[in-house]
Amino acid sequence: MTGRLGVGVIGAGYWGPNLARNFRASDAWELAAVCDLDRDRARRVAESVGGAPVRTDVDEVLADPLVDAVAIATPARTHHALACRALAAGKHVIVEKPLAADRASGIAMVAAAREQGLVLMTDHTYCYTPAVLRIRELIAEGALGDILYVDSTRINLGLVQPDVDVLWDLAPHDLSILDFVLPGGLTAATVSAAGADPLGTGRACVGYLAMPLAGGAIAHVQVNWLSPTKIRRMVIGGTRRTLVWDDLNPQQRLSVFDRGVDLPAGREGARQARVSYRLGDTWSPALPEQEALGNVVTEFAAAIREGRAPRTDGDAGLRVLSVLEAASRSLAAQGAPAAVEREPELVALGGAA
């Protein structure tokens, strides 16, 4: 494939317009269709990006020879059926988060992509922001040292969702980031979850996740629909340096602190040893101004052309789903740790075969 790839956007609600705009702006893509059950809504989206064929029937999009791929921006409960239909029709697929409404559906989607030799990509948009890409580089090059802890906060006075709790709504962002930046990805064996429903909605509106990581480290994620203030912050502490990412501070999104606690090389007798506090410089890496979704659609096209798995493939989506399902089991068990299920035979099979 040397020319532009044709893409159909399925779903013209909240996220579909953003996808359509970025596909239209990309030199790699031709926006071949905008599809929604509501024709007027699809038409408004198509007109807002300079025009595109409007469809209300998914089968028409899948039968179009000009459509090489589809972007699914519909409720999570519809992802499995739509993605499997698209893959069966020979179309590459990108799906907004979460990959599916449950892990079993996600496994079926990954297996279908493998069988068809097609790309299945999870739209973990935050993983394509300049800040998260830089965090990944800093951790990979050892700038932080060994990871000791991650503390992530994602709270705001948000929309209470009708079909999912706050963990399934907001935590996929943080979990996908952890999977993207941590060495080895999201490998927690267990998850402990706590949640509260003070409004009586029937689902948790405030939630907390705790996951043990390799080497005795821990990750903690706080999500909340009820906070009067909006916070998007992640702290990653290492043996050498600590990084703070404040997504709502455009002047200084990333700060790296050469501050921490030093213990003697041998852990024996560490309790009795004097703790040494390191107080060094703080610096802020320069970041390019790029829209994350522009990087997403570029990566999707590159994965198709190069016949490889995208950076956030179906397996990445599965790892996030596995943690979410374990969190739900923990929540039902009043916070008792729940095992994270794995599917070893599907590792690294989420993208192109």
Foldseek 3Di string as FASTA:
>chain_A
DPAAAEEEEEDLPDCSLVLLQLQLVDRRHDDAEYEDLDQVSSQVSQVVNPHHHYYDDLVVQLPDPRHQAYEYDDDQQCQLVSLLVSLVSNHAYEYEPLNHPFLVSLVVSLVSCLVSLAFYFYPLLVCQAQVLVVLLVCVVVQVQPAWAEKEWEFEAQADQDLPAEQCRVPVLNVQLSQQQRPVVGLDFFKKFKAFDDVPPSVHGQWMKIWTADPPRHIYIYTYHNHDHDGWGWMWIHGPQWIWIATPVDPVARIKIFRWDKDFPPDCVVRVVDDIDIDGDDMDGDDTDDDRSSSVVVVQSSVCRVVSAHGSRFSVSSSQSSQRSVSNVVNHVVNGDMGGRDDDVVSPRSRTGD
